[in-house]
PDB file of N, CA and C in Angstrom:
ATOM      1  N   UNK A   1     131.523 -64.572  52.884  1.00  0.00           N
ATOM      2  CA  UNK A   1     131.155 -64.777  51.188  1.00  0.00           C
ATOM      3  C   UNK A   1     130.628 -66.562  51.345  1.00  0.00           C
ATOM      4  N   UNK A   2     130.797 -66.785  52.381  1.00  0.00           N
ATOM      5  CA  UNK A   2     130.398 -68.180  52.493  1.00  0.00           C
ATOM      6  C   UNK A   2     128.973 -68.050  52.992  1.00  0.00           C
ATOM      7  N   UNK A   3     128.283 -67.460  53.438  1.00  0.00           N
ATOM      8  CA  UNK A   3     126.733 -66.894  54.019  1.00  0.00           C
ATOM      9  C   UNK A   3     126.279 -66.467  52.556  1.00  0.00           C
ATOM     10  N   UNK A   4     126.914 -65.595  51.881  1.00  0.00           N
ATOM     11  CA  UNK A   4     126.138 -65.411  50.423  1.00  0.00           C
ATOM     12  C   UNK A   4     126.211 -66.293  49.390  1.00  0.00           C
ATOM     13  N   UNK A   5     127.112 -67.254  49.272  1.00  0.00           N
ATOM     14  CA  UNK A   5     127.080 -68.628  48.692  1.00  0.00           C
ATOM     15  C   UNK A   5     125.329 -69.214  48.744  1.00  0.00           C
ATOM     16  N   UNK A   6     125.484 -69.335  50.145  1.00  0.00           N
ATOM     17  CA  UNK A   6     124.464 -70.109  50.653  1.00  0.00           C
ATOM     18  C   UNK A   6     123.113 -69.697  50.721  1.00  0.00           C
ATOM     19  N   UNK A   7     122.775 -68.365  51.072  1.00  0.00           N
ATOM     20  CA  UNK A   7     121.875 -67.414  50.564  1.00  0.00           C
ATOM     21  C   UNK A   7     121.251 -67.721  48.882  1.00  0.00           C
ATOM     22  N   UNK A   8     122.250 -66.779  47.937  1.00  0.00           N
ATOM     23  CA  UNK A   8     121.813 -67.498  46.665  1.00  0.00           C
ATOM     24  C   UNK A   8     121.529 -68.789  46.363  1.00  0.00           C
ATOM     25  N   UNK A   9     122.245 -69.724  46.889  1.00  0.00           N
ATOM     26  CA  UNK A   9     121.792 -71.405  46.322  1.00  0.00           C
ATOM     27  C   UNK A   9     120.354 -71.589  47.202  1.00  0.00           C
ATOM     28  N   UNK A  10     120.147 -70.947  48.104  1.00  0.00           N
ATOM     29  CA  UNK A  10     118.514 -71.169  48.713  1.00  0.00           C
ATOM     30  C   UNK A  10     117.755 -70.459  47.882  1.00  0.00           C
ATOM     31  N   UNK A  11     118.148 -69.338  47.442  1.00  0.00           N
ATOM     32  CA  UNK A  11     117.103 -68.333  46.332  1.00  0.00           C
ATOM     33  C   UNK A  11     116.778 -69.313  45.219  1.00  0.00           C
ATOM     34  N   UNK A  12     118.073 -69.744  44.579  1.00  0.00           N
ATOM     35  CA  UNK A  12     117.752 -70.439  43.343  1.00  0.00           C
ATOM     36  C   UNK A  12     117.087 -71.726  43.702  1.00  0.00           C
ATOM     37  N   UNK A  13     117.140 -72.361  44.679  1.00  0.00           N
ATOM     38  CA  UNK A  13     116.565 -73.403  44.880  1.00  0.00           C
ATOM     39  C   UNK A  13     114.841 -73.237  45.186  1.00  0.00           C
ATOM     40  N   UNK A  14     114.439 -72.136  45.677  1.00  0.00           N
ATOM     41  CA  UNK A  14     113.163 -71.814  46.083  1.00  0.00           C
ATOM     42  C   UNK A  14     112.535 -71.059  44.836  1.00  0.00           C
ATOM     43  N   UNK A  15     113.236 -70.873  44.102  1.00  0.00           N
ATOM     44  CA  UNK A  15     112.409 -70.452  42.830  1.00  0.00           C
ATOM     45  C   UNK A  15     112.397 -71.300  41.655  1.00  0.00           C
ATOM     46  N   UNK A  16     113.092 -72.320  41.557  1.00  0.00           N
ATOM     47  CA  UNK A  16     113.286 -73.497  41.125  1.00  0.00           C
ATOM     48  C   UNK A  16     111.871 -74.266  41.434  1.00  0.00           C
ATOM     49  N   UNK A  17     111.709 -74.578  42.644  1.00  0.00           N
ATOM     50  CA  UNK A  17     110.726 -75.415  42.832  1.00  0.00           C
ATOM     51  C   UNK A  17     109.215 -74.484  42.858  1.00  0.00           C
ATOM     52  N   UNK A  18     109.197 -73.312  42.860  1.00  0.00           N
ATOM     53  CA  UNK A  18     108.253 -72.443  42.652  1.00  0.00           C
ATOM     54  C   UNK A  18     107.569 -72.565  40.838  1.00  0.00           C
ATOM     55  N   UNK A  19     108.746 -72.377  40.108  1.00  0.00           N
ATOM     56  CA  UNK A  19     108.134 -72.715  38.912  1.00  0.00           C
ATOM     57  C   UNK A  19     107.526 -73.956  38.062  1.00  0.00           C
ATOM     58  N   UNK A  20     108.108 -75.053  38.892  1.00  0.00           N
ATOM     59  CA  UNK A  20     107.324 -76.038  38.721  1.00  0.00           C
ATOM     60  C   UNK A  20     106.233 -76.406  39.253  1.00  0.00           C
ATOM     61  N   UNK A  21     105.851 -75.595  40.047  1.00  0.00           N
ATOM     62  CA  UNK A  21     104.423 -75.676  40.634  1.00  0.00           C
ATOM     63  C   UNK A  21     103.149 -74.964  39.697  1.00  0.00           C
ATOM     64  N   UNK A  22     103.604 -74.009  39.160  1.00  0.00           N
ATOM     65  CA  UNK A  22     103.227 -73.398  38.282  1.00  0.00           C
ATOM     66  C   UNK A  22     102.959 -73.956  36.863  1.00  0.00           C
ATOM     67  N   UNK A  23     103.860 -74.795  36.300  1.00  0.00           N
ATOM     68  CA  UNK A  23     103.898 -76.020  35.302  1.00  0.00           C
ATOM     69  C   UNK A  23     102.733 -76.818  35.503  1.00  0.00           C
ATOM     70  N   UNK A  24     102.148 -76.976  36.663  1.00  0.00           N
ATOM     71  CA  UNK A  24     101.409 -78.396  37.146  1.00  0.00           C
ATOM     72  C   UNK A  24      99.846 -77.814  37.011  1.00  0.00           C
ATOM     73  N   UNK A  25      99.910 -76.559  37.227  1.00  0.00           N
ATOM     74  CA  UNK A  25      98.581 -75.957  37.459  1.00  0.00           C
ATOM     75  C   UNK A  25      97.918 -75.900  36.091  1.00  0.00           C
ATOM     76  N   UNK A  26      96.445 -76.444  36.112  1.00  0.00           N
ATOM     77  CA  UNK A  26      95.571 -76.194  34.934  1.00  0.00           C
ATOM     78  C   UNK A  26      94.866 -75.038  35.398  1.00  0.00           C
ATOM     79  N   UNK A  27      94.606 -74.647  34.429  1.00  0.00           N
ATOM     80  CA  UNK A  27      93.646 -73.471  34.287  1.00  0.00           C
ATOM     81  C   UNK A  27      92.116 -73.980  33.633  1.00  0.00           C
ATOM     82  N   UNK A  28      90.979 -73.315  33.649  1.00  0.00           N
ATOM     83  CA  UNK A  28      89.967 -73.583  33.240  1.00  0.00           C
ATOM     84  C   UNK A  28      89.704 -73.509  31.651  1.00  0.00           C
ATOM     85  N   UNK A  29      90.592 -72.318  31.185  1.00  0.00           N
ATOM     86  CA  UNK A  29      90.583 -72.322  30.053  1.00  0.00           C
ATOM     87  C   UNK A  29      91.282 -73.670  28.943  1.00  0.00           C
ATOM     88  N   UNK A  30      92.427 -74.146  29.949  1.00  0.00           N
ATOM     89  CA  UNK A  30      93.213 -75.598  29.010  1.00  0.00           C
ATOM     90  C   UNK A  30      92.417 -76.235  29.073  1.00  0.00           C
ATOM     91  N   UNK A  31      91.186 -76.458  30.228  1.00  0.00           N
ATOM     92  CA  UNK A  31      90.567 -77.825  30.242  1.00  0.00           C
ATOM     93  C   UNK A  31      89.229 -77.710  29.208  1.00  0.00           C
ATOM     94  N   UNK A  32      88.678 -76.382  29.286  1.00  0.00           N
ATOM     95  CA  UNK A  32      88.018 -75.870  28.063  1.00  0.00           C
ATOM     96  C   UNK A  32      88.448 -76.346  26.782  1.00  0.00           C
ATOM     97  N   UNK A  33      89.491 -76.087  26.477  1.00  0.00           N
ATOM     98  CA  UNK A  33      90.202 -76.232  24.801  1.00  0.00           C
ATOM     99  C   UNK A  33      90.440 -77.574  24.613  1.00  0.00           C
ATOM    100  N   UNK A  34      90.561 -78.458  25.674  1.00  0.00           N
ATOM    101  CA  UNK A  34      90.935 -79.991  25.690  1.00  0.00           C
ATOM    102  C   UNK A  34      89.810 -80.385  25.378  1.00  0.00           C
ATOM    103  N   UNK A  35      88.377 -80.211  25.588  1.00  0.00           N
ATOM    104  CA  UNK A  35      86.939 -80.724  25.497  1.00  0.00           C
ATOM    105  C   UNK A  35      86.393 -80.167  24.051  1.00  0.00           C
ATOM    106  N   UNK A  36      86.834 -78.989  23.803  1.00  0.00           N
ATOM    107  CA  UNK A  36      86.288 -78.536  22.959  1.00  0.00           C
ATOM    108  C   UNK A  36      87.100 -79.860  21.346  1.00  0.00           C
ATOM    109  N   UNK A  37      85.778 -79.713  20.236  1.00  0.00           N
ATOM    110  CA  UNK A  37      86.116 -80.880  19.350  1.00  0.00           C
ATOM    111  C   UNK A  37      86.398 -79.844  18.037  1.00  0.00           C
ATOM    112  N   UNK A  38      86.848 -78.783  18.083  1.00  0.00           N
ATOM    113  CA  UNK A  38      87.686 -77.953  16.992  1.00  0.00           C
ATOM    114  C   UNK A  38      88.595 -78.002  17.180  1.00  0.00           C
ATOM    115  N   UNK A  39      89.427 -77.316  16.109  1.00  0.00           N
ATOM    116  CA  UNK A  39      91.018 -77.421  15.846  1.00  0.00           C
ATOM    117  C   UNK A  39      91.429 -76.888  17.440  1.00  0.00           C
ATOM    118  N   UNK A  40      92.393 -77.365  17.578  1.00  0.00           N
ATOM    119  CA  UNK A  40      92.898 -77.022  19.085  1.00  0.00           C
ATOM    120  C   UNK A  40      94.466 -76.518  18.631  1.00  0.00           C
ATOM    121  N   UNK A  41      95.194 -75.454  19.278  1.00  0.00           N
ATOM    122  CA  UNK A  41      96.278 -75.158  19.134  1.00  0.00           C
ATOM    123  C   UNK A  41      97.322 -75.193  20.454  1.00  0.00           C
ATOM    124  N   UNK A  42      98.741 -75.341  20.111  1.00  0.00           N
ATOM    125  CA  UNK A  42      99.799 -75.563  21.290  1.00  0.00           C
ATOM    126  C   UNK A  42     100.975 -74.810  20.793  1.00  0.00           C
ATOM    127  N   UNK A  43     101.795 -74.879  21.911  1.00  0.00           N
ATOM    128  CA  UNK A  43     103.013 -74.016  21.942  1.00  0.00           C
ATOM    129  C   UNK A  43     103.958 -75.500  21.623  1.00  0.00           C
ATOM    130  N   UNK A  44     105.105 -75.236  20.787  1.00  0.00           N
ATOM    131  CA  UNK A  44     105.615 -76.401  20.579  1.00  0.00           C
ATOM    132  C   UNK A  44     106.874 -76.405  21.412  1.00  0.00           C
ATOM    133  N   UNK A  45     107.021 -75.560  22.386  1.00  0.00           N
ATOM    134  CA  UNK A  45     107.922 -75.678  23.720  1.00  0.00           C
ATOM    135  C   UNK A  45     107.219 -75.917  24.735  1.00  0.00           C
ATOM    136  N   UNK A  46     106.049 -75.905  24.651  1.00  0.00           N
ATOM    137  CA  UNK A  46     105.230 -76.572  26.075  1.00  0.00           C
ATOM    138  C   UNK A  46     103.969 -76.839  25.410  1.00  0.00           C
ATOM    139  N   UNK A  47     103.858 -78.254  25.358  1.00  0.00           N
ATOM    140  CA  UNK A  47     102.803 -78.741  24.486  1.00  0.00           C
ATOM    141  C   UNK A  47     101.294 -79.156  25.604  1.00  0.00           C
ATOM    142  N   UNK A  48     101.767 -78.762  26.962  1.00  0.00           N
ATOM    143  CA  UNK A  48     100.649 -78.868  27.827  1.00  0.00           C
ATOM    144  C   UNK A  48     100.110 -77.843  27.707  1.00  0.00           C
ATOM    145  N   UNK A  49     100.284 -76.606  26.689  1.00  0.00           N
ATOM    146  CA  UNK A  49      99.149 -75.036  26.702  1.00  0.00           C
ATOM    147  C   UNK A  49      98.813 -75.407  25.255  1.00  0.00           C
ATOM    148  N   UNK A  50      97.281 -75.828  25.570  1.00  0.00           N
ATOM    149  CA  UNK A  50      96.322 -75.813  24.460  1.00  0.00           C
ATOM    150  C   UNK A  50      95.369 -74.739  24.536  1.00  0.00           C
ATOM    151  N   UNK A  51      95.218 -74.168  23.382  1.00  0.00           N
ATOM    152  CA  UNK A  51      93.996 -73.303  23.284  1.00  0.00           C
ATOM    153  C   UNK A  51      93.284 -73.684  22.307  1.00  0.00           C
ATOM    154  N   UNK A  52      92.045 -73.097  22.149  1.00  0.00           N
ATOM    155  CA  UNK A  52      90.771 -73.375  20.902  1.00  0.00           C
ATOM    156  C   UNK A  52      91.287 -72.071  19.944  1.00  0.00           C
ATOM    157  N   UNK A  53      91.884 -71.202  20.036  1.00  0.00           N
ATOM    158  CA  UNK A  53      91.990 -70.357  18.863  1.00  0.00           C
ATOM    159  C   UNK A  53      93.538 -70.082  18.806  1.00  0.00           C
ATOM    160  N   UNK A  54      94.026 -69.432  17.765  1.00  0.00           N
ATOM    161  CA  UNK A  54      95.461 -69.409  17.477  1.00  0.00           C
ATOM    162  C   UNK A  54      95.970 -67.816  18.273  1.00  0.00           C
ATOM    163  N   UNK A  55      96.977 -67.557  18.468  1.00  0.00           N
ATOM    164  CA  UNK A  55      97.514 -66.891  19.451  1.00  0.00           C
ATOM    165  C   UNK A  55      99.160 -67.127  19.697  1.00  0.00           C
ATOM    166  N   UNK A  56      99.442 -66.533  21.436  1.00  0.00           N
ATOM    167  CA  UNK A  56     100.767 -66.674  21.489  1.00  0.00           C
ATOM    168  C   UNK A  56     100.868 -67.643  22.617  1.00  0.00           C
ATOM    169  N   UNK A  57     101.764 -68.280  23.314  1.00  0.00           N
ATOM    170  CA  UNK A  57     102.008 -68.691  24.352  1.00  0.00           C
ATOM    171  C   UNK A  57     101.732 -68.015  25.514  1.00  0.00           C
ATOM    172  N   UNK A  58     100.982 -68.461  26.546  1.00  0.00           N
ATOM    173  CA  UNK A  58     101.124 -67.599  28.093  1.00  0.00           C
ATOM    174  C   UNK A  58     102.617 -67.544  28.445  1.00  0.00           C
ATOM    175  N   UNK A  59     103.200 -68.791  28.508  1.00  0.00           N
ATOM    176  CA  UNK A  59     104.703 -68.978  28.996  1.00  0.00           C
ATOM    177  C   UNK A  59     105.602 -68.302  28.354  1.00  0.00           C
ATOM    178  N   UNK A  60     105.634 -68.437  27.138  1.00  0.00           N
ATOM    179  CA  UNK A  60     106.982 -68.127  26.453  1.00  0.00           C
ATOM    180  C   UNK A  60     106.695 -67.184  25.410  1.00  0.00           C
ATOM    181  N   UNK A  61     105.639 -67.012  24.784  1.00  0.00           N
ATOM    182  CA  UNK A  61     105.313 -65.898  23.903  1.00  0.00           C
ATOM    183  C   UNK A  61     105.513 -66.693  22.705  1.00  0.00           C
ATOM    184  N   UNK A  62     105.772 -67.754  22.351  1.00  0.00           N
ATOM    185  CA  UNK A  62     106.082 -67.765  20.993  1.00  0.00           C
ATOM    186  C   UNK A  62     104.597 -68.330  20.549  1.00  0.00           C
ATOM    187  N   UNK A  63     104.246 -68.182  18.800  1.00  0.00           N
ATOM    188  CA  UNK A  63     103.140 -68.354  18.542  1.00  0.00           C
ATOM    189  C   UNK A  63     102.466 -69.876  18.308  1.00  0.00           C
ATOM    190  N   UNK A  64     101.281 -69.880  18.735  1.00  0.00           N
ATOM    191  CA  UNK A  64     100.904 -71.222  18.803  1.00  0.00           C
ATOM    192  C   UNK A  64     100.437 -71.634  17.358  1.00  0.00           C
ATOM    193  N   UNK A  65     100.648 -73.253  17.243  1.00  0.00           N
ATOM    194  CA  UNK A  65     100.628 -74.013  16.208  1.00  0.00           C
ATOM    195  C   UNK A  65      99.457 -74.904  16.119  1.00  0.00           C
ATOM    196  N   UNK A  66      98.842 -75.279  14.928  1.00  0.00           N
ATOM    197  CA  UNK A  66      97.700 -76.067  15.200  1.00  0.00           C
ATOM    198  C   UNK A  66      98.226 -77.609  15.506  1.00  0.00           C
ATOM    199  N   UNK A  67      97.421 -78.344  16.363  1.00  0.00           N
ATOM    200  CA  UNK A  67      97.743 -79.331  16.998  1.00  0.00           C
ATOM    201  C   UNK A  67      97.226 -80.431  16.158  1.00  0.00           C
ATOM    202  N   UNK A  68      98.194 -81.433  15.909  1.00  0.00           N
ATOM    203  CA  UNK A  68      97.781 -82.605  15.111  1.00  0.00           C
ATOM    204  C   UNK A  68      97.481 -83.788  15.993  1.00  0.00           C
ATOM    205  N   UNK A  69      96.297 -84.119  15.490  1.00  0.00           N
ATOM    206  CA  UNK A  69      95.604 -85.231  16.728  1.00  0.00           C
ATOM    207  C   UNK A  69      95.378 -86.632  15.229  1.00  0.00           C
ATOM    208  N   UNK A  70      96.668 -86.455  14.654  1.00  0.00           N
ATOM    209  CA  UNK A  70      96.395 -87.655  13.685  1.00  0.00           C
ATOM    210  C   UNK A  70      96.881 -88.968  14.498  1.00  0.00           C
ATOM    211  N   UNK A  71      97.586 -88.640  15.429  1.00  0.00           N
ATOM    212  CA  UNK A  71      98.256 -89.771  16.263  1.00  0.00           C
ATOM    213  C   UNK A  71      97.456 -90.735  17.089  1.00  0.00           C
TER     214      UNK A  71
END
């Protein structure tokens, strides 16, 4: 029983570390969207996701909203 708990703990730790690495990875599409001067769309749950056209978030599937650049 103790071995099973240790194995499950290691699996959870490994998957948590891998998900953080994916969040830090920038794609060429993200970089291009930031450089464009037109309207940008972002996810309310993942503000690091920036697209040049409306659609859904690639991470969670939520609808992208127009980014407020007035700040």
